[in-house]
PDB file of N, CA and C in Angstrom:
ATOM      1  N   UNK A   1      -3.097  23.787  14.112  1.00  0.00           N
ATOM      2  CA  UNK A   1      -3.910  23.055  12.856  1.00  0.00           C
ATOM      3  C   UNK A   1      -4.288  21.769  13.383  1.00  0.00           C
ATOM      4  N   UNK A   2      -5.461  21.475  13.458  1.00  0.00           N
ATOM      5  CA  UNK A   2      -5.898  20.121  14.018  1.00  0.00           C
ATOM      6  C   UNK A   2      -6.276  19.315  12.943  1.00  0.00           C
ATOM      7  N   UNK A   3      -5.229  18.200  12.732  1.00  0.00           N
ATOM      8  CA  UNK A   3      -5.300  17.150  11.798  1.00  0.00           C
ATOM      9  C   UNK A   3      -6.306  15.985  11.943  1.00  0.00           C
ATOM     10  N   UNK A   4      -6.654  15.989  13.239  1.00  0.00           N
ATOM     11  CA  UNK A   4      -7.506  14.664  13.665  1.00  0.00           C
ATOM     12  C   UNK A   4      -8.899  14.856  13.092  1.00  0.00           C
ATOM     13  N   UNK A   5      -9.691  13.772  13.465  1.00  0.00           N
ATOM     14  CA  UNK A   5     -10.947  13.874  12.891  1.00  0.00           C
ATOM     15  C   UNK A   5     -11.832  14.369  13.936  1.00  0.00           C
ATOM     16  N   UNK A   6     -13.042  15.101  13.422  1.00  0.00           N
ATOM     17  CA  UNK A   6     -13.980  15.450  14.483  1.00  0.00           C
ATOM     18  C   UNK A   6     -14.624  14.354  15.000  1.00  0.00           C
ATOM     19  N   UNK A   7     -15.616  14.536  16.132  1.00  0.00           N
ATOM     20  CA  UNK A   7     -16.469  13.506  16.667  1.00  0.00           C
ATOM     21  C   UNK A   7     -17.221  12.868  15.765  1.00  0.00           C
ATOM     22  N   UNK A   8     -17.882  13.639  15.049  1.00  0.00           N
ATOM     23  CA  UNK A   8     -18.898  13.172  14.067  1.00  0.00           C
ATOM     24  C   UNK A   8     -18.217  12.255  13.028  1.00  0.00           C
ATOM     25  N   UNK A   9     -17.186  12.766  12.239  1.00  0.00           N
ATOM     26  CA  UNK A   9     -16.304  11.996  11.235  1.00  0.00           C
ATOM     27  C   UNK A   9     -15.687  10.696  12.033  1.00  0.00           C
ATOM     28  N   UNK A  10     -15.185  10.673  13.296  1.00  0.00           N
ATOM     29  CA  UNK A  10     -14.603   9.742  14.033  1.00  0.00           C
ATOM     30  C   UNK A  10     -15.803   8.485  14.323  1.00  0.00           C
ATOM     31  N   UNK A  11     -16.818   9.122  14.838  1.00  0.00           N
ATOM     32  CA  UNK A  11     -17.979   8.080  14.976  1.00  0.00           C
ATOM     33  C   UNK A  11     -18.471   7.423  13.751  1.00  0.00           C
ATOM     34  N   UNK A  12     -18.279   8.364  12.596  1.00  0.00           N
ATOM     35  CA  UNK A  12     -18.729   7.712  11.223  1.00  0.00           C
ATOM     36  C   UNK A  12     -17.904   6.407  10.784  1.00  0.00           C
ATOM     37  N   UNK A  13     -16.507   6.944  11.067  1.00  0.00           N
ATOM     38  CA  UNK A  13     -15.643   6.072  10.596  1.00  0.00           C
ATOM     39  C   UNK A  13     -15.517   4.564  11.557  1.00  0.00           C
ATOM     40  N   UNK A  14     -15.729   4.876  12.735  1.00  0.00           N
ATOM     41  CA  UNK A  14     -15.718   3.606  13.663  1.00  0.00           C
ATOM     42  C   UNK A  14     -16.958   2.732  13.179  1.00  0.00           C
ATOM     43  N   UNK A  15     -18.011   3.429  13.088  1.00  0.00           N
ATOM     44  CA  UNK A  15     -19.409   2.710  12.573  1.00  0.00           C
ATOM     45  C   UNK A  15     -19.028   1.777  11.418  1.00  0.00           C
ATOM     46  N   UNK A  16     -18.432   2.696  10.371  1.00  0.00           N
ATOM     47  CA  UNK A  16     -17.880   1.650   9.056  1.00  0.00           C
ATOM     48  C   UNK A  16     -17.159   0.648   9.218  1.00  0.00           C
ATOM     49  N   UNK A  17     -16.115   0.968  10.295  1.00  0.00           N
ATOM     50  CA  UNK A  17     -15.354  -0.417  10.624  1.00  0.00           C
ATOM     51  C   UNK A  17     -16.058  -1.557  11.285  1.00  0.00           C
ATOM     52  N   UNK A  18     -16.922  -1.017  12.041  1.00  0.00           N
ATOM     53  CA  UNK A  18     -17.444  -2.246  13.097  1.00  0.00           C
ATOM     54  C   UNK A  18     -18.399  -2.994  12.186  1.00  0.00           C
ATOM     55  N   UNK A  19     -19.160  -2.162  11.161  1.00  0.00           N
ATOM     56  CA  UNK A  19     -20.221  -2.805  10.259  1.00  0.00           C
ATOM     57  C   UNK A  19     -19.266  -3.844   9.432  1.00  0.00           C
ATOM     58  N   UNK A  20     -18.239  -3.477   8.877  1.00  0.00           N
ATOM     59  CA  UNK A  20     -17.494  -4.256   8.087  1.00  0.00           C
ATOM     60  C   UNK A  20     -16.902  -5.547   8.871  1.00  0.00           C
ATOM     61  N   UNK A  21     -16.533  -5.330  10.113  1.00  0.00           N
ATOM     62  CA  UNK A  21     -16.097  -6.516  10.956  1.00  0.00           C
ATOM     63  C   UNK A  21     -17.243  -7.498  11.469  1.00  0.00           C
ATOM     64  N   UNK A  22     -18.285  -6.874  11.569  1.00  0.00           N
ATOM     65  CA  UNK A  22     -19.447  -7.639  11.944  1.00  0.00           C
ATOM     66  C   UNK A  22     -20.105  -8.304  10.755  1.00  0.00           C
ATOM     67  N   UNK A  23     -19.653  -9.544  10.481  1.00  0.00           N
ATOM     68  CA  UNK A  23     -20.115 -10.257   9.171  1.00  0.00           C
ATOM     69  C   UNK A  23     -21.440 -10.966   9.392  1.00  0.00           C
ATOM     70  N   UNK A  24     -21.868 -11.292  10.646  1.00  0.00           N
ATOM     71  CA  UNK A  24     -22.930 -11.900  10.790  1.00  0.00           C
ATOM     72  C   UNK A  24     -24.099 -10.888  10.959  1.00  0.00           C
ATOM     73  N   UNK A  25     -23.972  -9.590  11.257  1.00  0.00           N
ATOM     74  CA  UNK A  25     -24.800  -8.714  11.520  1.00  0.00           C
ATOM     75  C   UNK A  25     -25.593  -8.581  12.851  1.00  0.00           C
ATOM     76  N   UNK A  26     -24.931  -9.288  13.790  1.00  0.00           N
ATOM     77  CA  UNK A  26     -25.449  -9.089  15.065  1.00  0.00           C
ATOM     78  C   UNK A  26     -25.181  -7.895  15.975  1.00  0.00           C
ATOM     79  N   UNK A  27     -24.371  -7.216  15.334  1.00  0.00           N
ATOM     80  CA  UNK A  27     -24.180  -5.846  15.983  1.00  0.00           C
ATOM     81  C   UNK A  27     -22.960  -6.099  17.128  1.00  0.00           C
ATOM     82  N   UNK A  28     -22.356  -7.080  17.279  1.00  0.00           N
ATOM     83  CA  UNK A  28     -21.357  -7.437  17.951  1.00  0.00           C
ATOM     84  C   UNK A  28     -20.127  -8.061  17.056  1.00  0.00           C
ATOM     85  N   UNK A  29     -19.012  -7.622  17.452  1.00  0.00           N
ATOM     86  CA  UNK A  29     -17.766  -8.185  16.735  1.00  0.00           C
ATOM     87  C   UNK A  29     -16.942  -9.385  17.629  1.00  0.00           C
ATOM     88  N   UNK A  30     -17.074 -10.527  17.295  1.00  0.00           N
ATOM     89  CA  UNK A  30     -16.411 -11.402  17.905  1.00  0.00           C
ATOM     90  C   UNK A  30     -14.961 -11.629  17.572  1.00  0.00           C
ATOM     91  N   UNK A  31     -14.274 -12.370  18.361  1.00  0.00           N
ATOM     92  CA  UNK A  31     -12.888 -12.618  18.103  1.00  0.00           C
ATOM     93  C   UNK A  31     -12.618 -13.154  16.732  1.00  0.00           C
ATOM     94  N   UNK A  32     -13.511 -14.192  16.407  1.00  0.00           N
ATOM     95  CA  UNK A  32     -13.324 -14.764  15.135  1.00  0.00           C
ATOM     96  C   UNK A  32     -13.536 -13.646  13.893  1.00  0.00           C
ATOM     97  N   UNK A  33     -14.538 -13.010  14.008  1.00  0.00           N
ATOM     98  CA  UNK A  33     -14.802 -11.971  13.005  1.00  0.00           C
ATOM     99  C   UNK A  33     -13.650 -10.803  12.799  1.00  0.00           C
ATOM    100  N   UNK A  34     -12.998 -10.644  13.914  1.00  0.00           N
ATOM    101  CA  UNK A  34     -11.921  -9.611  13.885  1.00  0.00           C
ATOM    102  C   UNK A  34     -10.672 -10.257  13.281  1.00  0.00           C
ATOM    103  N   UNK A  35     -10.529 -11.599  13.988  1.00  0.00           N
ATOM    104  CA  UNK A  35      -9.410 -12.295  13.412  1.00  0.00           C
ATOM    105  C   UNK A  35      -9.310 -12.513  11.784  1.00  0.00           C
ATOM    106  N   UNK A  36     -10.441 -13.028  11.496  1.00  0.00           N
ATOM    107  CA  UNK A  36     -10.505 -13.242  10.055  1.00  0.00           C
ATOM    108  C   UNK A  36     -10.244 -11.712   9.173  1.00  0.00           C
ATOM    109  N   UNK A  37     -10.977 -10.780   9.599  1.00  0.00           N
ATOM    110  CA  UNK A  37     -10.734  -9.523   8.711  1.00  0.00           C
ATOM    111  C   UNK A  37      -9.350  -9.075   8.860  1.00  0.00           C
ATOM    112  N   UNK A  38      -8.973  -9.360  10.168  1.00  0.00           N
ATOM    113  CA  UNK A  38      -7.454  -8.923  10.326  1.00  0.00           C
ATOM    114  C   UNK A  38      -6.535  -9.528   9.385  1.00  0.00           C
ATOM    115  N   UNK A  39      -6.712 -10.904   9.245  1.00  0.00           N
ATOM    116  CA  UNK A  39      -5.971 -11.637   8.340  1.00  0.00           C
ATOM    117  C   UNK A  39      -6.180 -11.188   6.846  1.00  0.00           C
ATOM    118  N   UNK A  40      -7.282 -10.779   6.562  1.00  0.00           N
ATOM    119  CA  UNK A  40      -7.556 -10.142   5.086  1.00  0.00           C
ATOM    120  C   UNK A  40      -6.988  -8.970   4.896  1.00  0.00           C
ATOM    121  N   UNK A  41      -7.078  -8.013   5.966  1.00  0.00           N
ATOM    122  CA  UNK A  41      -6.309  -6.898   5.752  1.00  0.00           C
ATOM    123  C   UNK A  41      -4.590  -7.082   5.497  1.00  0.00           C
ATOM    124  N   UNK A  42      -4.131  -7.866   6.400  1.00  0.00           N
ATOM    125  CA  UNK A  42      -2.687  -8.430   6.186  1.00  0.00           C
ATOM    126  C   UNK A  42      -2.356  -9.011   4.860  1.00  0.00           C
ATOM    127  N   UNK A  43      -3.180  -9.774   4.291  1.00  0.00           N
ATOM    128  CA  UNK A  43      -2.944 -10.315   2.882  1.00  0.00           C
ATOM    129  C   UNK A  43      -3.055  -8.984   2.022  1.00  0.00           C
ATOM    130  N   UNK A  44      -3.825  -8.231   2.153  1.00  0.00           N
ATOM    131  CA  UNK A  44      -3.991  -7.066   1.037  1.00  0.00           C
ATOM    132  C   UNK A  44      -2.828  -6.138   1.246  1.00  0.00           C
ATOM    133  N   UNK A  45      -2.434  -5.835   2.449  1.00  0.00           N
ATOM    134  CA  UNK A  45      -1.082  -5.018   2.663  1.00  0.00           C
ATOM    135  C   UNK A  45       0.113  -5.792   2.164  1.00  0.00           C
ATOM    136  N   UNK A  46       0.129  -7.053   2.229  1.00  0.00           N
ATOM    137  CA  UNK A  46       1.235  -7.840   1.612  1.00  0.00           C
ATOM    138  C   UNK A  46       1.266  -7.876   0.094  1.00  0.00           C
ATOM    139  N   UNK A  47       0.011  -7.859  -0.269  1.00  0.00           N
ATOM    140  CA  UNK A  47      -0.099  -7.725  -1.552  1.00  0.00           C
ATOM    141  C   UNK A  47       0.458  -6.495  -2.415  1.00  0.00           C
ATOM    142  N   UNK A  48      -0.114  -5.439  -1.760  1.00  0.00           N
ATOM    143  CA  UNK A  48       0.322  -4.045  -1.949  1.00  0.00           C
ATOM    144  C   UNK A  48       1.919  -3.843  -2.053  1.00  0.00           C
ATOM    145  N   UNK A  49       2.509  -4.342  -0.917  1.00  0.00           N
ATOM    146  CA  UNK A  49       3.770  -4.418  -0.597  1.00  0.00           C
ATOM    147  C   UNK A  49       4.359  -4.958  -1.642  1.00  0.00           C
ATOM    148  N   UNK A  50       4.145  -6.207  -2.237  1.00  0.00           N
ATOM    149  CA  UNK A  50       4.780  -6.732  -3.214  1.00  0.00           C
ATOM    150  C   UNK A  50       4.623  -5.958  -4.543  1.00  0.00           C
ATOM    151  N   UNK A  51       3.467  -5.339  -4.767  1.00  0.00           N
ATOM    152  CA  UNK A  51       3.284  -4.682  -5.943  1.00  0.00           C
ATOM    153  C   UNK A  51       4.353  -3.490  -6.067  1.00  0.00           C
ATOM    154  N   UNK A  52       4.385  -2.659  -4.850  1.00  0.00           N
ATOM    155  CA  UNK A  52       5.347  -1.657  -4.685  1.00  0.00           C
ATOM    156  C   UNK A  52       6.838  -2.229  -4.976  1.00  0.00           C
ATOM    157  N   UNK A  53       7.122  -3.283  -4.535  1.00  0.00           N
ATOM    158  CA  UNK A  53       8.345  -3.593  -4.646  1.00  0.00           C
ATOM    159  C   UNK A  53       8.712  -3.807  -6.167  1.00  0.00           C
ATOM    160  N   UNK A  54       7.505  -4.591  -6.687  1.00  0.00           N
ATOM    161  CA  UNK A  54       7.956  -4.769  -8.161  1.00  0.00           C
ATOM    162  C   UNK A  54       8.233  -3.577  -9.044  1.00  0.00           C
ATOM    163  N   UNK A  55       7.409  -2.523  -8.541  1.00  0.00           N
ATOM    164  CA  UNK A  55       7.334  -1.252  -9.401  1.00  0.00           C
ATOM    165  C   UNK A  55       8.810  -0.479  -8.855  1.00  0.00           C
ATOM    166  N   UNK A  56       9.190  -0.651  -7.626  1.00  0.00           N
ATOM    167  CA  UNK A  56      10.490  -0.338  -7.365  1.00  0.00           C
ATOM    168  C   UNK A  56      11.588  -0.917  -8.209  1.00  0.00           C
ATOM    169  N   UNK A  57      11.636  -2.070  -8.533  1.00  0.00           N
ATOM    170  CA  UNK A  57      12.614  -2.867  -9.024  1.00  0.00           C
ATOM    171  C   UNK A  57      12.543  -2.380 -10.605  1.00  0.00           C
ATOM    172  N   UNK A  58      11.349  -2.478 -11.095  1.00  0.00           N
ATOM    173  CA  UNK A  58      11.133  -1.987 -12.432  1.00  0.00           C
ATOM    174  C   UNK A  58      11.843  -0.589 -12.674  1.00  0.00           C
ATOM    175  N   UNK A  59      11.558   0.301 -11.828  1.00  0.00           N
ATOM    176  CA  UNK A  59      12.065   1.536 -12.004  1.00  0.00           C
ATOM    177  C   UNK A  59      13.817   1.524 -11.979  1.00  0.00           C
ATOM    178  N   UNK A  60      14.016   0.748 -10.931  1.00  0.00           N
ATOM    179  CA  UNK A  60      15.710   0.552 -10.781  1.00  0.00           C
ATOM    180  C   UNK A  60      16.246  -0.136 -12.238  1.00  0.00           C
ATOM    181  N   UNK A  61      15.616  -1.032 -12.477  1.00  0.00           N
ATOM    182  CA  UNK A  61      16.145  -1.545 -13.980  1.00  0.00           C
ATOM    183  C   UNK A  61      15.993  -0.571 -14.877  1.00  0.00           C
ATOM    184  N   UNK A  62      15.082   0.175 -15.251  1.00  0.00           N
ATOM    185  CA  UNK A  62      15.172   1.272 -16.124  1.00  0.00           C
ATOM    186  C   UNK A  62      16.310   2.282 -15.876  1.00  0.00           C
ATOM    187  N   UNK A  63      16.516   2.690 -14.660  1.00  0.00           N
ATOM    188  CA  UNK A  63      17.550   3.503 -14.163  1.00  0.00           C
ATOM    189  C   UNK A  63      18.863   3.083 -14.676  1.00  0.00           C
ATOM    190  N   UNK A  64      19.089   1.836 -14.336  1.00  0.00           N
ATOM    191  CA  UNK A  64      20.266   1.068 -14.611  1.00  0.00           C
ATOM    192  C   UNK A  64      20.693   1.135 -16.148  1.00  0.00           C
ATOM    193  N   UNK A  65      19.565   0.841 -17.067  1.00  0.00           N
ATOM    194  CA  UNK A  65      19.300   0.897 -18.274  1.00  0.00           C
ATOM    195  C   UNK A  65      19.788   2.211 -18.933  1.00  0.00           C
ATOM    196  N   UNK A  66      19.045   3.276 -18.626  1.00  0.00           N
ATOM    197  CA  UNK A  66      19.309   4.620 -18.902  1.00  0.00           C
ATOM    198  C   UNK A  66      20.642   5.012 -18.543  1.00  0.00           C
ATOM    199  N   UNK A  67      21.085   4.791 -17.343  1.00  0.00           N
ATOM    200  CA  UNK A  67      22.704   5.174 -16.999  1.00  0.00           C
ATOM    201  C   UNK A  67      23.703   4.619 -17.849  1.00  0.00           C
ATOM    202  N   UNK A  68      23.496   3.039 -18.171  1.00  0.00           N
ATOM    203  CA  UNK A  68      24.351   2.466 -19.290  1.00  0.00           C
ATOM    204  C   UNK A  68      24.372   3.173 -20.454  1.00  0.00           C
ATOM    205  N   UNK A  69      23.072   3.435 -21.083  1.00  0.00           N
ATOM    206  CA  UNK A  69      23.096   4.286 -22.294  1.00  0.00           C
ATOM    207  C   UNK A  69      24.026   5.473 -22.138  1.00  0.00           C
ATOM    208  N   UNK A  70      23.694   6.450 -21.185  1.00  0.00           N
ATOM    209  CA  UNK A  70      24.196   7.540 -20.891  1.00  0.00           C
ATOM    210  C   UNK A  70      25.743   7.534 -20.865  1.00  0.00           C
ATOM    211  N   UNK A  71      26.321   6.352 -20.284  1.00  0.00           N
ATOM    212  CA  UNK A  71      27.767   6.250 -20.040  1.00  0.00           C
ATOM    213  C   UNK A  71      28.272   5.811 -21.350  1.00  0.00           C
ATOM    214  N   UNK A  72      27.701   4.798 -22.172  1.00  0.00           N
ATOM    215  CA  UNK A  72      28.114   4.545 -23.594  1.00  0.00           C
ATOM    216  C   UNK A  72      28.080   5.642 -24.404  1.00  0.00           C
ATOM    217  N   UNK A  73      26.985   6.453 -24.523  1.00  0.00           N
ATOM    218  CA  UNK A  73      27.008   7.601 -25.198  1.00  0.00           C
ATOM    219  C   UNK A  73      28.129   8.648 -24.850  1.00  0.00           C
ATOM    220  N   UNK A  74      28.219   8.977 -23.632  1.00  0.00           N
ATOM    221  CA  UNK A  74      29.361   9.883 -23.114  1.00  0.00           C
ATOM    222  C   UNK A  74      30.731   9.260 -23.362  1.00  0.00           C
ATOM    223  N   UNK A  75      30.955   7.761 -23.712  1.00  0.00           N
ATOM    224  CA  UNK A  75      32.217   7.412 -23.930  1.00  0.00           C
ATOM    225  C   UNK A  75      32.540   7.592 -25.442  1.00  0.00           C
ATOM    226  N   UNK A  76      31.372   7.351 -26.166  1.00  0.00           N
ATOM    227  CA  UNK A  76      31.503   7.520 -27.781  1.00  0.00           C
ATOM    228  C   UNK A  76      31.778   9.161 -27.942  1.00  0.00           C
ATOM    229  N   UNK A  77      31.185  10.012 -27.182  1.00  0.00           N
ATOM    230  CA  UNK A  77      31.435  11.514 -27.419  1.00  0.00           C
ATOM    231  C   UNK A  77      32.895  11.793 -27.068  1.00  0.00           C
ATOM    232  N   UNK A  78      33.414  11.207 -26.081  1.00  0.00           N
ATOM    233  CA  UNK A  78      34.714  11.393 -25.872  1.00  0.00           C
ATOM    234  C   UNK A  78      35.795  10.872 -26.664  1.00  0.00           C
ATOM    235  N   UNK A  79      35.250   9.988 -27.412  1.00  0.00           N
ATOM    236  CA  UNK A  79      36.302   9.422 -28.609  1.00  0.00           C
ATOM    237  C   UNK A  79      36.243   9.994 -29.689  1.00  0.00           C
ATOM    238  N   UNK A  80      35.109  10.800 -30.019  1.00  0.00           N
ATOM    239  CA  UNK A  80      35.020  11.600 -31.239  1.00  0.00           C
ATOM    240  C   UNK A  80      35.766  13.039 -31.244  1.00  0.00           C
TER     241      UNK A  80
END
């Protein structure tokens, strides 16, 4: 099973990337254009990482809360 891109799809993706990097439209990607876009990508990735960390923390807090309620309920059930 080939999971890679075909030649046509690969060329299309490459063209899309280069078009995005080429901010001044001169059909060349300068080191400055590349660096600026690279920094933007890193910022977006860091933002997404923080979002994921927040969601994980929220899920963990919910887990701890549910576990506490379960333990409390179990203790009350054992006392009855």
